[in-house]
Amino acid sequence: MLIIDDILLFPVRGITWIFREIHNAAQQEFEHETDAITAELSELYMMLETGRITEDEFDSREKELLDRLDAIRREEGYKEDES
């Protein structure tokens, strides 16, 4: 009877595994993007300190990066609430 159960449940288990792998890949991508934005912000601050960019350029670029970071964090929070 166990073999029959395994055979019948295999498609469900396979699909569940696929969705879990997709979820894990998406989480890793979010983490990587967050790290990349943080590094870009650090570089931006360095460029401002060394005078390679103006304060106006800094402000506009910083706003873009912080908006992206906030959107990612909101999306992560939304996904955690669903779980």
PDB file of N, CA and C in Angstrom:
ATOM      1  N   MET A   1       0.815  -1.188   0.000  1.00  0.00           N
ATOM      2  CA  MET A   1       0.000   0.000   0.000  1.00  0.00           C
ATOM      3  C   MET A   1       0.863   1.259   0.000  1.00  0.00           C
ATOM      4  N   LEU A   2       1.999   1.226   0.659  1.00  0.00           N
ATOM      5  CA  LEU A   2       2.875   2.396   0.709  1.00  0.00           C
ATOM      6  C   LEU A   2       3.427   2.755  -0.661  1.00  0.00           C
ATOM      7  N   ILE A   3       3.713   1.776  -1.461  1.00  0.00           N
ATOM      8  CA  ILE A   3       4.230   2.051  -2.807  1.00  0.00           C
ATOM      9  C   ILE A   3       3.164   2.752  -3.637  1.00  0.00           C
ATOM     10  N   ILE A   4       1.940   2.309  -3.526  1.00  0.00           N
ATOM     11  CA  ILE A   4       0.845   2.945  -4.266  1.00  0.00           C
ATOM     12  C   ILE A   4       0.665   4.385  -3.801  1.00  0.00           C
ATOM     13  N   ASP A   5       0.733   4.611  -2.479  1.00  0.00           N
ATOM     14  CA  ASP A   5       0.628   5.973  -1.953  1.00  0.00           C
ATOM     15  C   ASP A   5       1.752   6.860  -2.489  1.00  0.00           C
ATOM     16  N   ASP A   6       2.965   6.326  -2.509  1.00  0.00           N
ATOM     17  CA  ASP A   6       4.097   7.092  -3.031  1.00  0.00           C
ATOM     18  C   ASP A   6       3.900   7.438  -4.503  1.00  0.00           C
ATOM     19  N   ILE A   7       3.415   6.506  -5.265  1.00  0.00           N
ATOM     20  CA  ILE A   7       3.192   6.744  -6.694  1.00  0.00           C
ATOM     21  C   ILE A   7       2.117   7.783  -6.913  1.00  0.00           C
ATOM     22  N   LEU A   8       1.039   7.686  -6.149  1.00  0.00           N
ATOM     23  CA  LEU A   8      -0.064   8.632  -6.320  1.00  0.00           C
ATOM     24  C   LEU A   8       0.293  10.041  -5.835  1.00  0.00           C
ATOM     25  N   LEU A   9       1.106  10.137  -4.818  1.00  0.00           N
ATOM     26  CA  LEU A   9       1.460  11.446  -4.253  1.00  0.00           C
ATOM     27  C   LEU A   9       2.689  12.074  -4.890  1.00  0.00           C
ATOM     28  N   PHE A  10       3.386  11.345  -5.751  1.00  0.00           N
ATOM     29  CA  PHE A  10       4.598  11.858  -6.369  1.00  0.00           C
ATOM     30  C   PHE A  10       4.384  13.186  -7.112  1.00  0.00           C
ATOM     31  N   PRO A  11       3.348  13.331  -7.928  1.00  0.00           N
ATOM     32  CA  PRO A  11       3.163  14.621  -8.623  1.00  0.00           C
ATOM     33  C   PRO A  11       2.984  15.794  -7.653  1.00  0.00           C
ATOM     34  N   VAL A  12       2.253  15.585  -6.584  1.00  0.00           N
ATOM     35  CA  VAL A  12       2.030  16.645  -5.598  1.00  0.00           C
ATOM     36  C   VAL A  12       3.341  17.000  -4.906  1.00  0.00           C
ATOM     37  N   ARG A  13       4.074  16.007  -4.500  1.00  0.00           N
ATOM     38  CA  ARG A  13       5.363  16.251  -3.833  1.00  0.00           C
ATOM     39  C   ARG A  13       6.348  16.926  -4.778  1.00  0.00           C
ATOM     40  N   GLY A  14       6.330  16.526  -6.043  1.00  0.00           N
ATOM     41  CA  GLY A  14       7.231  17.128  -7.030  1.00  0.00           C
ATOM     42  C   GLY A  14       6.924  18.602  -7.238  1.00  0.00           C
ATOM     43  N   ILE A  15       5.654  18.926  -7.359  1.00  0.00           N
ATOM     44  CA  ILE A  15       5.258  20.330  -7.556  1.00  0.00           C
ATOM     45  C   ILE A  15       5.585  21.149  -6.310  1.00  0.00           C
ATOM     46  N   THR A  16       5.341  20.573  -5.140  1.00  0.00           N
ATOM     47  CA  THR A  16       5.670  21.266  -3.891  1.00  0.00           C
ATOM     48  C   THR A  16       7.160  21.559  -3.828  1.00  0.00           C
ATOM     49  N   TRP A  17       7.972  20.595  -4.198  1.00  0.00           N
ATOM     50  CA  TRP A  17       9.426  20.786  -4.185  1.00  0.00           C
ATOM     51  C   TRP A  17       9.829  21.897  -5.155  1.00  0.00           C
ATOM     52  N   ILE A  18       9.228  21.909  -6.343  1.00  0.00           N
ATOM     53  CA  ILE A  18       9.546  22.932  -7.345  1.00  0.00           C
ATOM     54  C   ILE A  18       9.209  24.322  -6.813  1.00  0.00           C
ATOM     55  N   PHE A  19       8.022  24.475  -6.226  1.00  0.00           N
ATOM     56  CA  PHE A  19       7.635  25.774  -5.681  1.00  0.00           C
ATOM     57  C   PHE A  19       8.551  26.206  -4.536  1.00  0.00           C
ATOM     58  N   ARG A  20       8.966  25.268  -3.721  1.00  0.00           N
ATOM     59  CA  ARG A  20       9.888  25.590  -2.624  1.00  0.00           C
ATOM     60  C   ARG A  20      11.237  26.067  -3.174  1.00  0.00           C
ATOM     61  N   GLU A  21      11.715  25.418  -4.226  1.00  0.00           N
ATOM     62  CA  GLU A  21      12.979  25.835  -4.843  1.00  0.00           C
ATOM     63  C   GLU A  21      12.860  27.220  -5.483  1.00  0.00           C
ATOM     64  N   ILE A  22      11.739  27.503  -6.127  1.00  0.00           N
ATOM     65  CA  ILE A  22      11.527  28.827  -6.715  1.00  0.00           C
ATOM     66  C   ILE A  22      11.494  29.888  -5.624  1.00  0.00           C
ATOM     67  N   HIS A  23      10.826  29.583  -4.531  1.00  0.00           N
ATOM     68  CA  HIS A  23      10.769  30.521  -3.397  1.00  0.00           C
ATOM     69  C   HIS A  23      12.164  30.789  -2.844  1.00  0.00           C
ATOM     70  N   ASN A  24      12.948  29.750  -2.670  1.00  0.00           N
ATOM     71  CA  ASN A  24      14.316  29.921  -2.153  1.00  0.00           C
ATOM     72  C   ASN A  24      15.176  30.752  -3.105  1.00  0.00           C
ATOM     73  N   ALA A  25      15.032  30.526  -4.392  1.00  0.00           N
ATOM     74  CA  ALA A  25      15.797  31.299  -5.376  1.00  0.00           C
ATOM     75  C   ALA A  25      15.401  32.772  -5.334  1.00  0.00           C
ATOM     76  N   ALA A  26      14.113  33.037  -5.193  1.00  0.00           N
ATOM     77  CA  ALA A  26      13.648  34.429  -5.105  1.00  0.00           C
ATOM     78  C   ALA A  26      14.178  35.100  -3.844  1.00  0.00           C
ATOM     79  N   GLN A  27      14.185  34.393  -2.729  1.00  0.00           N
ATOM     80  CA  GLN A  27      14.726  34.946  -1.479  1.00  0.00           C
ATOM     81  C   GLN A  27      16.204  35.295  -1.630  1.00  0.00           C
ATOM     82  N   GLN A  28      16.956  34.415  -2.252  1.00  0.00           N
ATOM     83  CA  GLN A  28      18.378  34.668  -2.454  1.00  0.00           C
ATOM     84  C   GLN A  28      18.595  35.876  -3.351  1.00  0.00           C
ATOM     85  N   GLU A  29      17.748  36.022  -4.363  1.00  0.00           N
ATOM     86  CA  GLU A  29      17.862  37.167  -5.262  1.00  0.00           C
ATOM     87  C   GLU A  29      17.573  38.470  -4.521  1.00  0.00           C
ATOM     88  N   PHE A  30      16.556  38.473  -3.660  1.00  0.00           N
ATOM     89  CA  PHE A  30      16.254  39.658  -2.855  1.00  0.00           C
ATOM     90  C   PHE A  30      17.430  40.014  -1.950  1.00  0.00           C
ATOM     91  N   GLU A  31      18.014  39.006  -1.304  1.00  0.00           N
ATOM     92  CA  GLU A  31      19.150  39.245  -0.419  1.00  0.00           C
ATOM     93  C   GLU A  31      20.330  39.811  -1.189  1.00  0.00           C
ATOM     94  N   HIS A  32      20.581  39.260  -2.375  1.00  0.00           N
ATOM     95  CA  HIS A  32      21.695  39.739  -3.193  1.00  0.00           C
ATOM     96  C   HIS A  32      21.459  41.181  -3.629  1.00  0.00           C
ATOM     97  N   GLU A  33      20.228  41.490  -4.035  1.00  0.00           N
ATOM     98  CA  GLU A  33      19.925  42.850  -4.477  1.00  0.00           C
ATOM     99  C   GLU A  33      20.058  43.844  -3.327  1.00  0.00           C
ATOM    100  N   THR A  34      19.622  43.449  -2.134  1.00  0.00           N
ATOM    101  CA  THR A  34      19.758  44.318  -0.960  1.00  0.00           C
ATOM    102  C   THR A  34      21.231  44.602  -0.682  1.00  0.00           C
ATOM    103  N   ASP A  35      22.063  43.578  -0.745  1.00  0.00           N
ATOM    104  CA  ASP A  35      23.501  43.762  -0.522  1.00  0.00           C
ATOM    105  C   ASP A  35      24.105  44.670  -1.591  1.00  0.00           C
ATOM    106  N   ALA A  36      23.683  44.499  -2.836  1.00  0.00           N
ATOM    107  CA  ALA A  36      24.216  45.320  -3.926  1.00  0.00           C
ATOM    108  C   ALA A  36      23.820  46.787  -3.743  1.00  0.00           C
ATOM    109  N   ILE A  37      22.587  47.037  -3.319  1.00  0.00           N
ATOM    110  CA  ILE A  37      22.141  48.418  -3.101  1.00  0.00           C
ATOM    111  C   ILE A  37      22.903  49.043  -1.950  1.00  0.00           C
ATOM    112  N   THR A  38      23.118  48.298  -0.885  1.00  0.00           N
ATOM    113  CA  THR A  38      23.876  48.808   0.256  1.00  0.00           C
ATOM    114  C   THR A  38      25.305  49.151  -0.149  1.00  0.00           C
ATOM    115  N   ALA A  39      25.917  48.302  -0.946  1.00  0.00           N
ATOM    116  CA  ALA A  39      27.275  48.579  -1.421  1.00  0.00           C
ATOM    117  C   ALA A  39      27.287  49.812  -2.320  1.00  0.00           C
ATOM    118  N   GLU A  40      26.261  49.944  -3.159  1.00  0.00           N
ATOM    119  CA  GLU A  40      26.172  51.102  -4.047  1.00  0.00           C
ATOM    120  C   GLU A  40      25.986  52.395  -3.252  1.00  0.00           C
ATOM    121  N   LEU A  41      25.215  52.319  -2.168  1.00  0.00           N
ATOM    122  CA  LEU A  41      25.048  53.488  -1.295  1.00  0.00           C
ATOM    123  C   LEU A  41      26.380  53.876  -0.648  1.00  0.00           C
ATOM    124  N   SER A  42      27.127  52.897  -0.211  1.00  0.00           N
ATOM    125  CA  SER A  42      28.440  53.175   0.389  1.00  0.00           C
ATOM    126  C   SER A  42      29.358  53.851  -0.617  1.00  0.00           C
ATOM    127  N   GLU A  43      29.359  53.334  -1.824  1.00  0.00           N
ATOM    128  CA  GLU A  43      30.183  53.930  -2.879  1.00  0.00           C
ATOM    129  C   GLU A  43      29.726  55.356  -3.186  1.00  0.00           C
ATOM    130  N   LEU A  44      28.433  55.571  -3.158  1.00  0.00           N
ATOM    131  CA  LEU A  44      27.882  56.890  -3.416  1.00  0.00           C
ATOM    132  C   LEU A  44      28.334  57.894  -2.360  1.00  0.00           C
ATOM    133  N   TYR A  45      28.314  57.458  -1.091  1.00  0.00           N
ATOM    134  CA  TYR A  45      28.784  58.328  -0.011  1.00  0.00           C
ATOM    135  C   TYR A  45      30.268  58.666  -0.184  1.00  0.00           C
ATOM    136  N   MET A  46      31.046  57.672  -0.603  1.00  0.00           N
ATOM    137  CA  MET A  46      32.478  57.909  -0.834  1.00  0.00           C
ATOM    138  C   MET A  46      32.687  58.916  -1.963  1.00  0.00           C
ATOM    139  N   MET A  47      31.897  58.798  -3.015  1.00  0.00           N
ATOM    140  CA  MET A  47      32.021  59.711  -4.150  1.00  0.00           C
ATOM    141  C   MET A  47      31.682  61.144  -3.723  1.00  0.00           C
ATOM    142  N   LEU A  48      30.698  61.286  -2.857  1.00  0.00           N
ATOM    143  CA  LEU A  48      30.338  62.610  -2.365  1.00  0.00           C
ATOM    144  C   LEU A  48      31.459  63.177  -1.495  1.00  0.00           C
ATOM    145  N   GLU A  49      32.004  62.347  -0.620  1.00  0.00           N
ATOM    146  CA  GLU A  49      33.075  62.790   0.272  1.00  0.00           C
ATOM    147  C   GLU A  49      34.337  63.200  -0.493  1.00  0.00           C
ATOM    148  N   THR A  50      34.610  62.512  -1.578  1.00  0.00           N
ATOM    149  CA  THR A  50      35.827  62.818  -2.343  1.00  0.00           C
ATOM    150  C   THR A  50      35.586  63.895  -3.397  1.00  0.00           C
ATOM    151  N   GLY A  51      34.344  64.347  -3.525  1.00  0.00           N
ATOM    152  CA  GLY A  51      34.038  65.425  -4.448  1.00  0.00           C
ATOM    153  C   GLY A  51      33.872  64.998  -5.897  1.00  0.00           C
ATOM    154  N   ARG A  52      33.699  63.710  -6.133  1.00  0.00           N
ATOM    155  CA  ARG A  52      33.535  63.232  -7.508  1.00  0.00           C
ATOM    156  C   ARG A  52      32.127  63.463  -8.042  1.00  0.00           C
ATOM    157  N   ILE A  53      31.166  63.699  -7.157  1.00  0.00           N
ATOM    158  CA  ILE A  53      29.812  64.031  -7.583  1.00  0.00           C
ATOM    159  C   ILE A  53      29.315  65.224  -6.769  1.00  0.00           C
ATOM    160  N   THR A  54      28.354  65.920  -7.309  1.00  0.00           N
ATOM    161  CA  THR A  54      27.787  67.063  -6.594  1.00  0.00           C
ATOM    162  C   THR A  54      26.731  66.571  -5.605  1.00  0.00           C
ATOM    163  N   GLU A  55      26.331  67.463  -4.726  1.00  0.00           N
ATOM    164  CA  GLU A  55      25.324  67.094  -3.738  1.00  0.00           C
ATOM    165  C   GLU A  55      23.962  66.834  -4.401  1.00  0.00           C
ATOM    166  N   ASP A  56      23.662  67.557  -5.464  1.00  0.00           N
ATOM    167  CA  ASP A  56      22.404  67.315  -6.178  1.00  0.00           C
ATOM    168  C   ASP A  56      22.389  65.921  -6.821  1.00  0.00           C
ATOM    169  N   GLU A  57      23.505  65.543  -7.436  1.00  0.00           N
ATOM    170  CA  GLU A  57      23.603  64.213  -8.022  1.00  0.00           C
ATOM    171  C   GLU A  57      23.473  63.145  -6.931  1.00  0.00           C
ATOM    172  N   PHE A  58      24.144  63.416  -5.814  1.00  0.00           N
ATOM    173  CA  PHE A  58      24.088  62.499  -4.686  1.00  0.00           C
ATOM    174  C   PHE A  58      22.648  62.328  -4.197  1.00  0.00           C
ATOM    175  N   ASP A  59      21.953  63.444  -4.006  1.00  0.00           N
ATOM    176  CA  ASP A  59      20.583  63.394  -3.484  1.00  0.00           C
ATOM    177  C   ASP A  59      19.653  62.604  -4.405  1.00  0.00           C
ATOM    178  N   SER A  60      19.744  62.849  -5.700  1.00  0.00           N
ATOM    179  CA  SER A  60      18.839  62.143  -6.620  1.00  0.00           C
ATOM    180  C   SER A  60      19.161  60.648  -6.672  1.00  0.00           C
ATOM    181  N   ARG A  61      20.441  60.306  -6.728  1.00  0.00           N
ATOM    182  CA  ARG A  61      20.831  58.891  -6.789  1.00  0.00           C
ATOM    183  C   ARG A  61      20.510  58.185  -5.470  1.00  0.00           C
ATOM    184  N   GLU A  62      20.753  58.869  -4.352  1.00  0.00           N
ATOM    185  CA  GLU A  62      20.458  58.277  -3.047  1.00  0.00           C
ATOM    186  C   GLU A  62      18.956  57.997  -2.924  1.00  0.00           C
ATOM    187  N   LYS A  63      18.136  58.924  -3.378  1.00  0.00           N
ATOM    188  CA  LYS A  63      16.681  58.729  -3.313  1.00  0.00           C
ATOM    189  C   LYS A  63      16.270  57.498  -4.117  1.00  0.00           C
ATOM    190  N   GLU A  64      16.825  57.341  -5.309  1.00  0.00           N
ATOM    191  CA  GLU A  64      16.512  56.169  -6.131  1.00  0.00           C
ATOM    192  C   GLU A  64      16.873  54.872  -5.405  1.00  0.00           C
ATOM    193  N   LEU A  65      18.085  54.839  -4.855  1.00  0.00           N
ATOM    194  CA  LEU A  65      18.553  53.628  -4.186  1.00  0.00           C
ATOM    195  C   LEU A  65      17.723  53.319  -2.941  1.00  0.00           C
ATOM    196  N   LEU A  66      17.420  54.345  -2.154  1.00  0.00           N
ATOM    197  CA  LEU A  66      16.639  54.119  -0.941  1.00  0.00           C
ATOM    198  C   LEU A  66      15.205  53.704  -1.273  1.00  0.00           C
ATOM    199  N   ASP A  67      14.654  54.243  -2.350  1.00  0.00           N
ATOM    200  CA  ASP A  67      13.319  53.825  -2.778  1.00  0.00           C
ATOM    201  C   ASP A  67      13.315  52.356  -3.193  1.00  0.00           C
ATOM    202  N   ARG A  68      14.349  51.936  -3.935  1.00  0.00           N
ATOM    203  CA  ARG A  68      14.460  50.528  -4.332  1.00  0.00           C
ATOM    204  C   ARG A  68      14.599  49.627  -3.109  1.00  0.00           C
ATOM    205  N   LEU A  69      15.424  50.071  -2.155  1.00  0.00           N
ATOM    206  CA  LEU A  69      15.639  49.288  -0.940  1.00  0.00           C
ATOM    207  C   LEU A  69      14.345  49.170  -0.136  1.00  0.00           C
ATOM    208  N   ASP A  70      13.607  50.264  -0.016  1.00  0.00           N
ATOM    209  CA  ASP A  70      12.321  50.231   0.691  1.00  0.00           C
ATOM    210  C   ASP A  70      11.331  49.305  -0.005  1.00  0.00           C
ATOM    211  N   ALA A  71      11.301  49.347  -1.327  1.00  0.00           N
ATOM    212  CA  ALA A  71      10.384  48.477  -2.077  1.00  0.00           C
ATOM    213  C   ALA A  71      10.722  47.011  -1.848  1.00  0.00           C
ATOM    214  N   ILE A  72      11.996  46.688  -1.834  1.00  0.00           N
ATOM    215  CA  ILE A  72      12.422  45.310  -1.593  1.00  0.00           C
ATOM    216  C   ILE A  72      12.035  44.873  -0.194  1.00  0.00           C
ATOM    217  N   ARG A  73      12.273  45.720   0.782  1.00  0.00           N
ATOM    218  CA  ARG A  73      11.943  45.370   2.165  1.00  0.00           C
ATOM    219  C   ARG A  73      10.438  45.242   2.367  1.00  0.00           C
ATOM    220  N   ARG A  74       9.657  46.095   1.700  1.00  0.00           N
ATOM    221  CA  ARG A  74       8.201  45.962   1.786  1.00  0.00           C
ATOM    222  C   ARG A  74       7.763  44.630   1.180  1.00  0.00           C
ATOM    223  N   GLU A  75       8.351  44.283   0.057  1.00  0.00           N
ATOM    224  CA  GLU A  75       8.015  43.016  -0.602  1.00  0.00           C
ATOM    225  C   GLU A  75       8.389  41.836   0.284  1.00  0.00           C
ATOM    226  N   GLU A  76       9.551  41.901   0.927  1.00  0.00           N
ATOM    227  CA  GLU A  76       9.955  40.828   1.832  1.00  0.00           C
ATOM    228  C   GLU A  76       8.995  40.735   3.007  1.00  0.00           C
ATOM    229  N   GLY A  77       8.592  41.870   3.549  1.00  0.00           N
ATOM    230  CA  GLY A  77       7.641  41.875   4.660  1.00  0.00           C
ATOM    231  C   GLY A  77       6.302  41.306   4.245  1.00  0.00           C
ATOM    232  N   TYR A  78       5.882  41.620   3.037  1.00  0.00           N
ATOM    233  CA  TYR A  78       4.620  41.109   2.514  1.00  0.00           C
ATOM    234  C   TYR A  78       4.690  39.596   2.373  1.00  0.00           C
ATOM    235  N   LYS A  79       5.806  39.097   1.891  1.00  0.00           N
ATOM    236  CA  LYS A  79       5.959  37.661   1.710  1.00  0.00           C
ATOM    237  C   LYS A  79       6.013  36.941   3.063  1.00  0.00           C
ATOM    238  N   GLU A  80       6.653  37.567   4.064  1.00  0.00           N
ATOM    239  CA  GLU A  80       6.709  36.951   5.385  1.00  0.00           C
ATOM    240  C   GLU A  80       5.324  36.902   6.012  1.00  0.00           C
ATOM    241  N   ASP A  81       4.494  37.925   5.766  1.00  0.00           N
ATOM    242  CA  ASP A  81       3.139  37.940   6.305  1.00  0.00           C
ATOM    243  C   ASP A  81       2.281  36.844   5.702  1.00  0.00           C
ATOM    244  N   GLU A  82       2.537  36.505   4.436  1.00  0.00           N
ATOM    245  CA  GLU A  82       1.775  35.455   3.775  1.00  0.00           C
ATOM    246  C   GLU A  82       2.091  34.079   4.336  1.00  0.00           C
ATOM    247  N   SER A  83       3.323  33.884   4.810  1.00  0.00           N
ATOM    248  CA  SER A  83       3.749  32.559   5.283  1.00  0.00           C
ATOM    249  C   SER A  83       3.038  32.143   6.535  1.00  0.00           C
TER     250      SER A  83
END
